[in-house]
Amino acid sequence: MLTLIASGCGEEGAQEGAELTVYVSAPGQRLCEEAQAEAQGKRTTGDHTLRVVCLSTGSKDGGTLAKVGSNARRATADSTTVAYVGESDRETRKQSQPILASAEIGQMGELNGREAIKAVIAAIDEGDSDDPRAAVYDAIEG
């Protein structure tokens, strides 16, 4: 775990070959399983790999606002986080969006898991691979 922290993508950017994290917040497993399958074996510019962390929102209707907020805060506490996938419901997303924006973590709420991972990889490849969090944030939040 110490290696992940040292090679994360916080304020100093990410070292070449660092493992980067995408958090998926959803009521079921489908979205996360799609993201995990798409990330498997993929590398970005800078030789980064992606790890997908699954977080449950607790219910099929988008989850409780407390759980959604907790999931967003967990993603912001991880220095390796580059993106957050979840809260497909626009109203529920209002709970997590300001938390994620404060840490400049891009949020994708209307994509399936495969599309989200492809978008993360494209953002890093087309942006600054030395600062993948900023590259993804800039690509998503524009």
N, C-alpha and C. Protein backbone atom coordinates (compact mmCIF):
# COMPACT_ATOMS: atom_id res chain seq x y z
N MET A 1 0.81 -1.19 0.00
CA MET A 1 0.00 0.00 0.00
C MET A 1 0.86 1.26 0.00
N LEU A 2 2.01 1.21 0.62
CA LEU A 2 2.90 2.36 0.65
C LEU A 2 3.31 2.77 -0.76
N THR A 3 3.52 1.80 -1.64
CA THR A 3 3.89 2.10 -3.02
C THR A 3 2.80 2.89 -3.71
N LEU A 4 1.54 2.55 -3.47
CA LEU A 4 0.44 3.27 -4.10
C LEU A 4 0.42 4.73 -3.67
N ILE A 5 0.63 4.97 -2.42
CA ILE A 5 0.62 6.34 -1.93
C ILE A 5 1.78 7.12 -2.52
N ALA A 6 2.95 6.53 -2.54
CA ALA A 6 4.13 7.20 -3.06
C ALA A 6 4.02 7.46 -4.55
N SER A 7 3.31 6.60 -5.27
CA SER A 7 3.21 6.77 -6.71
C SER A 7 1.84 7.23 -7.13
N GLY A 8 1.11 7.84 -6.23
CA GLY A 8 -0.23 8.32 -6.53
C GLY A 8 -0.24 9.49 -7.47
N CYS A 9 -1.37 10.14 -7.55
CA CYS A 9 -1.48 11.25 -8.49
C CYS A 9 -2.05 12.48 -7.81
N GLY A 10 -1.62 12.73 -6.62
CA GLY A 10 -2.05 13.92 -5.90
C GLY A 10 -1.43 15.16 -6.51
N GLU A 11 -1.01 16.08 -5.70
CA GLU A 11 -0.53 17.36 -6.16
C GLU A 11 0.73 17.27 -7.01
N GLU A 12 1.55 16.25 -6.84
CA GLU A 12 2.79 16.15 -7.61
C GLU A 12 2.63 15.36 -8.90
N GLY A 13 1.44 14.89 -9.23
CA GLY A 13 1.24 14.09 -10.42
C GLY A 13 1.54 12.63 -10.16
N ALA A 14 1.71 11.85 -11.22
CA ALA A 14 1.93 10.41 -11.08
C ALA A 14 3.24 10.01 -11.74
N GLN A 15 3.93 9.09 -11.09
CA GLN A 15 5.14 8.55 -11.67
C GLN A 15 4.78 7.60 -12.80
N GLU A 16 5.68 7.44 -13.73
CA GLU A 16 5.47 6.49 -14.81
C GLU A 16 5.25 5.10 -14.22
N GLY A 17 4.25 4.39 -14.74
CA GLY A 17 3.96 3.04 -14.28
C GLY A 17 3.10 2.96 -13.03
N ALA A 18 2.62 4.09 -12.54
CA ALA A 18 1.80 4.09 -11.32
C ALA A 18 0.46 3.42 -11.55
N GLU A 19 -0.06 2.82 -10.50
CA GLU A 19 -1.42 2.27 -10.53
C GLU A 19 -2.38 3.40 -10.16
N LEU A 20 -3.35 3.65 -11.01
CA LEU A 20 -4.32 4.71 -10.81
C LEU A 20 -5.67 4.09 -10.49
N THR A 21 -6.50 4.79 -9.73
CA THR A 21 -7.75 4.22 -9.27
C THR A 21 -8.96 4.96 -9.84
N VAL A 22 -9.93 4.16 -10.26
CA VAL A 22 -11.24 4.67 -10.68
C VAL A 22 -12.25 4.08 -9.70
N TYR A 23 -12.99 4.96 -9.03
CA TYR A 23 -14.03 4.51 -8.10
C TYR A 23 -15.35 4.42 -8.85
N VAL A 24 -16.08 3.33 -8.61
CA VAL A 24 -17.40 3.13 -9.20
C VAL A 24 -18.41 3.02 -8.08
N SER A 25 -19.36 3.94 -8.06
CA SER A 25 -20.39 3.99 -7.02
C SER A 25 -21.73 3.67 -7.67
N ALA A 26 -22.30 2.52 -7.30
CA ALA A 26 -23.54 2.07 -7.94
C ALA A 26 -24.31 1.14 -7.01
N PRO A 27 -25.62 1.02 -7.23
CA PRO A 27 -26.43 0.16 -6.37
C PRO A 27 -26.17 -1.34 -6.59
N GLY A 28 -25.83 -1.73 -7.79
CA GLY A 28 -25.57 -3.14 -8.08
C GLY A 28 -24.15 -3.34 -8.56
N GLN A 29 -23.85 -4.53 -9.04
CA GLN A 29 -22.49 -4.87 -9.47
C GLN A 29 -22.23 -4.68 -10.96
N ARG A 30 -23.29 -4.55 -11.77
CA ARG A 30 -23.12 -4.53 -13.22
C ARG A 30 -22.17 -3.43 -13.71
N LEU A 31 -22.40 -2.20 -13.27
CA LEU A 31 -21.56 -1.08 -13.70
C LEU A 31 -20.10 -1.32 -13.34
N CYS A 32 -19.88 -1.80 -12.14
CA CYS A 32 -18.51 -2.04 -11.68
C CYS A 32 -17.86 -3.20 -12.44
N GLU A 33 -18.60 -4.26 -12.66
CA GLU A 33 -18.05 -5.40 -13.40
C GLU A 33 -17.67 -5.01 -14.81
N GLU A 34 -18.49 -4.16 -15.46
CA GLU A 34 -18.15 -3.67 -16.80
C GLU A 34 -16.84 -2.87 -16.76
N ALA A 35 -16.72 -2.01 -15.76
CA ALA A 35 -15.50 -1.19 -15.64
C ALA A 35 -14.28 -2.06 -15.38
N GLN A 36 -14.42 -3.04 -14.49
CA GLN A 36 -13.29 -3.93 -14.19
C GLN A 36 -12.87 -4.71 -15.42
N ALA A 37 -13.83 -5.20 -16.18
CA ALA A 37 -13.51 -5.97 -17.39
C ALA A 37 -12.77 -5.10 -18.41
N GLU A 38 -13.22 -3.87 -18.57
CA GLU A 38 -12.58 -2.96 -19.54
C GLU A 38 -11.18 -2.56 -19.10
N ALA A 39 -10.97 -2.38 -17.81
CA ALA A 39 -9.66 -1.96 -17.29
C ALA A 39 -8.63 -3.08 -17.28
N GLN A 40 -9.09 -4.30 -17.26
CA GLN A 40 -8.20 -5.46 -17.15
C GLN A 40 -7.13 -5.46 -18.24
N GLY A 41 -5.88 -5.36 -17.84
CA GLY A 41 -4.76 -5.47 -18.76
C GLY A 41 -4.48 -4.24 -19.59
N LYS A 42 -5.23 -3.18 -19.41
CA LYS A 42 -5.03 -1.96 -20.19
C LYS A 42 -3.97 -1.08 -19.54
N ARG A 43 -3.23 -0.36 -20.37
CA ARG A 43 -2.24 0.60 -19.90
C ARG A 43 -2.47 1.91 -20.62
N THR A 44 -2.13 3.00 -19.94
CA THR A 44 -2.29 4.32 -20.54
C THR A 44 -0.92 4.84 -20.95
N THR A 45 -0.92 6.01 -21.59
CA THR A 45 0.34 6.71 -21.82
C THR A 45 0.98 6.91 -20.45
N GLY A 46 2.25 6.73 -20.35
CA GLY A 46 2.92 6.80 -19.05
C GLY A 46 2.94 5.44 -18.37
N ASP A 47 2.45 4.42 -19.09
CA ASP A 47 2.47 3.03 -18.61
C ASP A 47 1.68 2.85 -17.30
N HIS A 48 0.65 3.68 -17.10
CA HIS A 48 -0.19 3.55 -15.91
C HIS A 48 -1.18 2.40 -16.08
N THR A 49 -1.48 1.73 -14.99
CA THR A 49 -2.55 0.73 -14.99
C THR A 49 -3.72 1.30 -14.20
N LEU A 50 -4.90 0.76 -14.45
CA LEU A 50 -6.10 1.22 -13.75
C LEU A 50 -6.62 0.14 -12.83
N ARG A 51 -6.94 0.55 -11.61
CA ARG A 51 -7.58 -0.33 -10.63
C ARG A 51 -8.98 0.23 -10.42
N VAL A 52 -9.98 -0.65 -10.45
CA VAL A 52 -11.36 -0.24 -10.25
C VAL A 52 -11.79 -0.67 -8.85
N VAL A 53 -12.29 0.29 -8.07
CA VAL A 53 -12.79 0.01 -6.73
C VAL A 53 -14.30 0.18 -6.75
N CYS A 54 -15.01 -0.86 -6.32
CA CYS A 54 -16.47 -0.85 -6.32
C CYS A 54 -17.01 -0.41 -4.97
N LEU A 55 -17.93 0.55 -4.99
CA LEU A 55 -18.59 1.03 -3.78
C LEU A 55 -20.10 0.94 -3.99
N SER A 56 -20.79 0.40 -3.04
CA SER A 56 -22.25 0.27 -3.13
C SER A 56 -22.93 1.53 -2.62
N THR A 57 -23.99 1.92 -3.31
CA THR A 57 -24.80 3.04 -2.84
C THR A 57 -25.92 2.55 -1.92
N GLY A 58 -26.09 1.26 -1.85
CA GLY A 58 -27.04 0.69 -0.89
C GLY A 58 -28.43 0.40 -1.39
N SER A 59 -28.86 0.96 -2.51
CA SER A 59 -30.19 0.65 -3.02
C SER A 59 -30.26 0.88 -4.52
N LYS A 60 -31.23 0.24 -5.15
CA LYS A 60 -31.35 0.31 -6.61
C LYS A 60 -31.87 1.65 -7.12
N ASP A 61 -32.43 2.48 -6.26
CA ASP A 61 -32.97 3.77 -6.72
C ASP A 61 -31.94 4.89 -6.66
N GLY A 62 -30.68 4.57 -6.59
CA GLY A 62 -29.63 5.58 -6.58
C GLY A 62 -28.88 5.65 -5.27
N GLY A 63 -29.46 5.12 -4.23
CA GLY A 63 -28.78 5.07 -2.94
C GLY A 63 -29.16 6.21 -2.02
N THR A 64 -28.79 6.06 -0.80
CA THR A 64 -29.05 7.12 0.16
C THR A 64 -28.04 8.23 -0.06
N LEU A 65 -28.45 9.44 0.20
CA LEU A 65 -27.55 10.57 0.01
C LEU A 65 -26.33 10.47 0.91
N ALA A 66 -26.52 9.95 2.13
CA ALA A 66 -25.39 9.78 3.05
C ALA A 66 -24.37 8.81 2.47
N LYS A 67 -24.83 7.71 1.88
CA LYS A 67 -23.93 6.70 1.31
C LYS A 67 -23.22 7.27 0.08
N VAL A 68 -23.95 8.00 -0.73
CA VAL A 68 -23.35 8.62 -1.92
C VAL A 68 -22.26 9.60 -1.51
N GLY A 69 -22.53 10.43 -0.51
CA GLY A 69 -21.53 11.37 -0.01
C GLY A 69 -20.32 10.66 0.56
N SER A 70 -20.56 9.59 1.29
CA SER A 70 -19.47 8.80 1.87
C SER A 70 -18.59 8.21 0.77
N ASN A 71 -19.21 7.69 -0.29
CA ASN A 71 -18.45 7.13 -1.40
C ASN A 71 -17.57 8.19 -2.07
N ALA A 72 -18.14 9.37 -2.27
CA ALA A 72 -17.37 10.46 -2.90
C ALA A 72 -16.20 10.87 -2.01
N ARG A 73 -16.44 10.95 -0.70
CA ARG A 73 -15.34 11.33 0.21
C ARG A 73 -14.25 10.26 0.22
N ARG A 74 -14.63 9.00 0.11
CA ARG A 74 -13.62 7.94 0.06
C ARG A 74 -12.73 8.11 -1.17
N ALA A 75 -13.34 8.44 -2.29
CA ALA A 75 -12.55 8.64 -3.52
C ALA A 75 -11.60 9.82 -3.38
N THR A 76 -12.04 10.89 -2.71
CA THR A 76 -11.18 12.06 -2.56
C THR A 76 -10.03 11.81 -1.59
N ALA A 77 -10.19 10.86 -0.69
CA ALA A 77 -9.14 10.55 0.29
C ALA A 77 -8.01 9.71 -0.30
N ASP A 78 -8.22 9.16 -1.48
CA ASP A 78 -7.24 8.28 -2.12
C ASP A 78 -6.41 9.08 -3.11
N SER A 79 -5.12 9.19 -2.87
CA SER A 79 -4.25 9.99 -3.74
C SER A 79 -4.09 9.40 -5.13
N THR A 80 -4.49 8.15 -5.34
CA THR A 80 -4.36 7.53 -6.66
C THR A 80 -5.61 7.70 -7.52
N THR A 81 -6.66 8.31 -6.98
CA THR A 81 -7.92 8.44 -7.71
C THR A 81 -7.78 9.37 -8.90
N VAL A 82 -8.27 8.91 -10.06
CA VAL A 82 -8.29 9.75 -11.25
C VAL A 82 -9.71 10.01 -11.74
N ALA A 83 -10.68 9.17 -11.37
CA ALA A 83 -12.05 9.36 -11.84
C ALA A 83 -13.03 8.66 -10.91
N TYR A 84 -14.28 9.09 -11.01
CA TYR A 84 -15.38 8.56 -10.21
C TYR A 84 -16.54 8.30 -11.16
N VAL A 85 -17.00 7.06 -11.18
CA VAL A 85 -18.10 6.67 -12.06
C VAL A 85 -19.30 6.34 -11.17
N GLY A 86 -20.41 6.99 -11.44
CA GLY A 86 -21.59 6.65 -10.66
C GLY A 86 -22.61 7.74 -10.56
N GLU A 87 -23.66 7.40 -9.82
CA GLU A 87 -24.80 8.29 -9.66
C GLU A 87 -25.36 8.71 -11.02
N SER A 88 -25.96 7.76 -11.70
CA SER A 88 -26.54 8.04 -13.01
C SER A 88 -27.71 9.01 -12.90
N ASP A 89 -28.34 9.07 -11.74
CA ASP A 89 -29.45 10.00 -11.51
C ASP A 89 -28.89 11.40 -11.23
N ARG A 90 -29.33 12.35 -12.01
CA ARG A 90 -28.81 13.73 -11.91
C ARG A 90 -29.03 14.34 -10.52
N GLU A 91 -30.16 14.07 -9.91
CA GLU A 91 -30.44 14.61 -8.57
C GLU A 91 -29.51 14.02 -7.52
N THR A 92 -29.28 12.71 -7.60
CA THR A 92 -28.38 12.06 -6.64
C THR A 92 -26.95 12.54 -6.85
N ARG A 93 -26.59 12.78 -8.10
CA ARG A 93 -25.23 13.24 -8.43
C ARG A 93 -24.93 14.60 -7.80
N LYS A 94 -25.96 15.38 -7.52
CA LYS A 94 -25.75 16.68 -6.88
C LYS A 94 -25.11 16.53 -5.50
N GLN A 95 -25.26 15.36 -4.88
CA GLN A 95 -24.65 15.11 -3.57
C GLN A 95 -23.14 14.86 -3.69
N SER A 96 -22.73 14.08 -4.68
CA SER A 96 -21.31 13.72 -4.80
C SER A 96 -20.50 14.74 -5.61
N GLN A 97 -21.12 15.43 -6.53
CA GLN A 97 -20.39 16.31 -7.44
C GLN A 97 -19.57 17.38 -6.73
N PRO A 98 -20.11 18.13 -5.77
CA PRO A 98 -19.27 19.16 -5.13
C PRO A 98 -18.09 18.59 -4.34
N ILE A 99 -18.29 17.42 -3.77
CA ILE A 99 -17.22 16.75 -3.01
C ILE A 99 -16.08 16.39 -3.95
N LEU A 100 -16.43 15.80 -5.09
CA LEU A 100 -15.43 15.39 -6.07
C LEU A 100 -14.77 16.60 -6.73
N ALA A 101 -15.54 17.61 -7.04
CA ALA A 101 -15.00 18.82 -7.69
C ALA A 101 -13.98 19.51 -6.79
N SER A 102 -14.18 19.46 -5.47
CA SER A 102 -13.24 20.11 -4.56
C SER A 102 -11.85 19.47 -4.63
N ALA A 103 -11.80 18.21 -5.04
CA ALA A 103 -10.52 17.50 -5.19
C ALA A 103 -10.12 17.38 -6.66
N GLU A 104 -10.87 18.04 -7.54
CA GLU A 104 -10.65 17.98 -8.98
C GLU A 104 -10.61 16.55 -9.50
N ILE A 105 -11.63 15.79 -9.10
CA ILE A 105 -11.81 14.43 -9.60
C ILE A 105 -13.01 14.45 -10.54
N GLY A 106 -12.78 14.02 -11.77
CA GLY A 106 -13.85 13.99 -12.76
C GLY A 106 -14.88 12.93 -12.45
N GLN A 107 -16.15 13.29 -12.63
CA GLN A 107 -17.26 12.38 -12.36
C GLN A 107 -18.00 12.06 -13.64
N MET A 108 -18.20 10.76 -13.87
CA MET A 108 -18.96 10.29 -15.03
C MET A 108 -20.20 9.58 -14.54
N GLY A 109 -21.36 10.16 -14.76
CA GLY A 109 -22.58 9.59 -14.23
C GLY A 109 -23.51 8.99 -15.25
N GLU A 110 -23.28 9.22 -16.51
CA GLU A 110 -24.22 8.74 -17.52
C GLU A 110 -23.59 7.77 -18.50
N LEU A 111 -22.48 7.17 -18.13
CA LEU A 111 -21.81 6.20 -19.00
C LEU A 111 -21.87 4.82 -18.37
N ASN A 112 -21.84 3.78 -19.22
CA ASN A 112 -21.71 2.44 -18.64
C ASN A 112 -20.24 2.24 -18.25
N GLY A 113 -19.95 1.15 -17.59
CA GLY A 113 -18.61 0.91 -17.08
C GLY A 113 -17.54 0.85 -18.15
N ARG A 114 -17.83 0.20 -19.25
CA ARG A 114 -16.85 0.10 -20.35
C ARG A 114 -16.57 1.47 -20.96
N GLU A 115 -17.64 2.23 -21.23
CA GLU A 115 -17.46 3.57 -21.82
C GLU A 115 -16.67 4.48 -20.87
N ALA A 116 -16.94 4.37 -19.59
CA ALA A 116 -16.25 5.21 -18.61
C ALA A 116 -14.75 4.94 -18.60
N ILE A 117 -14.37 3.68 -18.58
CA ILE A 117 -12.94 3.33 -18.56
C ILE A 117 -12.27 3.77 -19.86
N LYS A 118 -12.94 3.58 -20.99
CA LYS A 118 -12.39 4.05 -22.27
C LYS A 118 -12.18 5.55 -22.24
N ALA A 119 -13.14 6.28 -21.64
CA ALA A 119 -13.02 7.74 -21.55
C ALA A 119 -11.86 8.16 -20.65
N VAL A 120 -11.65 7.44 -19.56
CA VAL A 120 -10.53 7.73 -18.64
C VAL A 120 -9.20 7.51 -19.37
N ILE A 121 -9.07 6.39 -20.04
CA ILE A 121 -7.83 6.08 -20.76
C ILE A 121 -7.58 7.13 -21.85
N ALA A 122 -8.62 7.47 -22.60
CA ALA A 122 -8.46 8.48 -23.67
C ALA A 122 -8.04 9.82 -23.09
N ALA A 123 -8.63 10.22 -21.97
CA ALA A 123 -8.29 11.51 -21.35
C ALA A 123 -6.83 11.54 -20.91
N ILE A 124 -6.36 10.45 -20.34
CA ILE A 124 -4.95 10.39 -19.90
C ILE A 124 -4.03 10.37 -21.11
N ASP A 125 -4.38 9.58 -22.12
CA ASP A 125 -3.54 9.48 -23.32
C ASP A 125 -3.47 10.80 -24.09
N GLU A 126 -4.59 11.53 -24.11
CA GLU A 126 -4.64 12.78 -24.87
C GLU A 126 -4.22 13.99 -24.04
N GLY A 127 -4.22 13.84 -22.72
CA GLY A 127 -3.87 14.95 -21.82
C GLY A 127 -2.46 14.80 -21.29
N ASP A 128 -2.26 15.23 -20.08
CA ASP A 128 -0.96 15.19 -19.43
C ASP A 128 -0.84 13.89 -18.63
N SER A 129 -0.13 12.91 -19.17
CA SER A 129 0.00 11.62 -18.48
C SER A 129 0.82 11.74 -17.20
N ASP A 130 1.56 12.85 -17.03
CA ASP A 130 2.30 13.07 -15.78
C ASP A 130 1.35 13.53 -14.67
N ASP A 131 0.18 14.03 -15.03
CA ASP A 131 -0.83 14.46 -14.06
C ASP A 131 -2.19 13.92 -14.51
N PRO A 132 -2.37 12.59 -14.38
CA PRO A 132 -3.58 11.96 -14.92
C PRO A 132 -4.88 12.45 -14.28
N ARG A 133 -4.86 12.79 -13.00
CA ARG A 133 -6.10 13.28 -12.38
C ARG A 133 -6.55 14.57 -13.08
N ALA A 134 -5.62 15.48 -13.30
CA ALA A 134 -5.94 16.74 -13.98
C ALA A 134 -6.37 16.48 -15.42
N ALA A 135 -5.72 15.56 -16.10
CA ALA A 135 -6.09 15.24 -17.48
C ALA A 135 -7.52 14.75 -17.58
N VAL A 136 -7.90 13.87 -16.67
CA VAL A 136 -9.27 13.33 -16.67
C VAL A 136 -10.26 14.42 -16.28
N TYR A 137 -9.94 15.17 -15.25
CA TYR A 137 -10.84 16.25 -14.80
C TYR A 137 -11.08 17.26 -15.92
N ASP A 138 -10.01 17.67 -16.57
CA ASP A 138 -10.13 18.64 -17.66
C ASP A 138 -10.96 18.10 -18.80
N ALA A 139 -10.78 16.82 -19.13
CA ALA A 139 -11.52 16.22 -20.23
C ALA A 139 -13.02 16.10 -19.90
N ILE A 140 -13.33 15.78 -18.64
CA ILE A 140 -14.72 15.57 -18.26
C ILE A 140 -15.42 16.89 -17.93
N GLU A 141 -14.78 17.69 -17.13
CA GLU A 141 -15.42 18.91 -16.64
C GLU A 141 -15.20 20.10 -17.57
N GLY A 142 -14.23 19.94 -18.49
CA GLY A 142 -13.95 20.90 -19.53
C GLY A 142 -13.57 22.23 -19.09
